Amino acid sequence: MTPVSNQHSSYDATLKQMSNPVATQSIIELLARRRLALPALLFLTGLQPLHFAIGHLLLLVAPLTDLLGLKMTGTWGAQLSDPGAAAMWRQWLTQVAAEAEEQTRA
Protein backbone atom coordinates (compact mmCIF):
# COMPACT_ATOMS: atom_id res chain seq x y z
CA MET A 1 0.00 0.00 0.00
CA THR A 2 2.83 2.41 0.65
CA PRO A 3 4.02 2.70 -2.98
CA VAL A 4 0.53 3.67 -4.15
CA SER A 5 0.17 6.36 -1.49
CA ASN A 6 3.68 7.63 -2.27
CA GLN A 7 2.81 7.71 -5.95
CA HIS A 8 -0.39 9.66 -5.22
CA SER A 9 1.46 12.16 -3.04
CA SER A 10 4.04 12.54 -5.82
CA TYR A 11 1.25 13.48 -8.26
CA ASP A 12 -0.17 15.94 -5.74
CA ALA A 13 3.21 17.57 -5.18
CA THR A 14 3.89 17.87 -8.91
CA LEU A 15 0.38 19.22 -9.53
CA LYS A 16 0.86 21.88 -6.86
CA GLN A 17 4.20 22.78 -8.41
CA MET A 18 2.66 23.13 -11.89
CA SER A 19 -0.17 25.25 -10.50
CA ASN A 20 2.32 27.53 -8.76
CA PRO A 21 2.97 30.68 -10.86
CA VAL A 22 6.60 30.80 -9.75
CA ALA A 23 7.28 27.20 -10.81
CA THR A 24 5.58 27.54 -14.19
CA GLN A 25 7.31 30.83 -14.93
CA SER A 26 10.34 28.97 -16.31
CA ILE A 27 8.13 27.12 -18.80
CA ILE A 28 6.47 30.36 -19.87
CA GLU A 29 9.86 32.07 -20.22
CA LEU A 30 11.15 29.17 -22.32
CA LEU A 31 8.16 29.50 -24.63
CA ALA A 32 8.73 33.24 -24.85
CA ARG A 33 12.44 32.89 -25.65
CA ARG A 34 11.67 30.45 -28.43
CA ARG A 35 8.77 32.62 -29.65
CA LEU A 36 6.33 29.78 -29.10
CA ALA A 37 3.91 31.55 -26.75
CA LEU A 38 1.42 32.40 -29.50
CA PRO A 39 1.45 28.89 -31.06
CA ALA A 40 1.04 27.36 -27.58
CA LEU A 41 -1.86 29.74 -26.90
CA LEU A 42 -3.53 28.83 -30.20
CA PHE A 43 -3.02 25.14 -29.44
CA LEU A 44 -4.61 25.45 -25.99
CA THR A 45 -7.50 27.50 -27.30
CA GLY A 46 -8.11 25.18 -30.25
CA LEU A 47 -8.26 22.13 -28.03
CA GLN A 48 -10.37 23.77 -25.34
CA PRO A 49 -13.46 21.62 -26.03
CA LEU A 50 -11.31 18.50 -25.68
CA HIS A 51 -9.42 19.43 -22.48
CA PHE A 52 -11.72 17.43 -20.24
CA ALA A 53 -11.66 14.30 -22.43
CA ILE A 54 -7.91 14.45 -23.07
CA GLY A 55 -7.23 15.06 -19.37
CA HIS A 56 -9.24 12.04 -18.34
CA LEU A 57 -7.62 9.92 -21.05
CA LEU A 58 -4.20 10.90 -19.69
CA LEU A 59 -5.33 10.03 -16.17
CA LEU A 60 -6.57 6.67 -17.46
CA VAL A 61 -3.21 5.75 -19.04
CA ALA A 62 -1.09 7.29 -16.25
CA PRO A 63 -0.43 3.97 -14.45
CA LEU A 64 0.83 2.41 -17.68
CA THR A 65 3.00 5.39 -18.55
CA ASP A 66 4.45 5.33 -15.04
CA LEU A 67 5.73 1.85 -15.78
CA LEU A 68 7.34 3.23 -18.93
CA GLY A 69 9.02 6.04 -16.99
CA LEU A 70 6.74 8.93 -17.98
CA LYS A 71 5.89 10.28 -14.55
CA MET A 72 4.19 13.53 -15.64
CA THR A 73 1.27 11.98 -17.54
CA GLY A 74 -1.05 11.95 -14.54
CA THR A 75 -0.10 15.50 -13.64
CA TRP A 76 -0.82 16.78 -17.13
CA GLY A 77 -4.08 14.85 -17.09
CA ALA A 78 -5.09 16.56 -13.88
CA GLN A 79 -4.10 19.96 -15.28
CA LEU A 80 -6.12 19.47 -18.46
CA SER A 81 -9.14 18.21 -16.54
CA ASP A 82 -9.21 21.36 -14.41
CA PRO A 83 -10.85 24.28 -16.27
CA GLY A 84 -9.24 26.78 -13.91
CA ALA A 85 -5.74 25.53 -14.68
CA ALA A 86 -6.34 25.71 -18.43
CA ALA A 87 -7.66 29.28 -18.09
CA MET A 88 -4.61 30.21 -16.02
CA TRP A 89 -2.24 28.87 -18.70
CA ARG A 90 -4.14 30.74 -21.41
CA GLN A 91 -3.94 33.97 -19.41
CA TRP A 92 -0.18 33.63 -18.91
CA LEU A 93 0.42 32.75 -22.56
CA THR A 94 -1.72 35.68 -23.71
CA GLN A 95 0.33 38.05 -21.59
CA VAL A 96 3.65 36.64 -22.82
CA ALA A 97 2.50 36.68 -26.47
CA ALA A 98 1.42 40.33 -26.13
CA GLU A 99 4.78 41.25 -24.60
CA ALA A 100 6.64 39.46 -27.39
CA GLU A 101 4.59 41.30 -30.00
CA GLU A 102 5.37 44.63 -28.32
CA GLN A 103 9.10 43.83 -28.41
CA THR A 104 9.03 42.97 -32.11
CA ARG A 105 7.27 46.25 -32.90
CA ALA A 106 9.84 48.30 -31.03
Foldseek 3Di string as FASTA:
>chain_A
DVVVVVLVVVLVVVLVLCLDPVNCVVVLVVCLVVVNLVVVLVVLVVCLVVLQVCLVVLCVCQVVVVVVVPSCSNSSSVQSNDPVSSVVSNVSSVVSNVVSVVVVVD
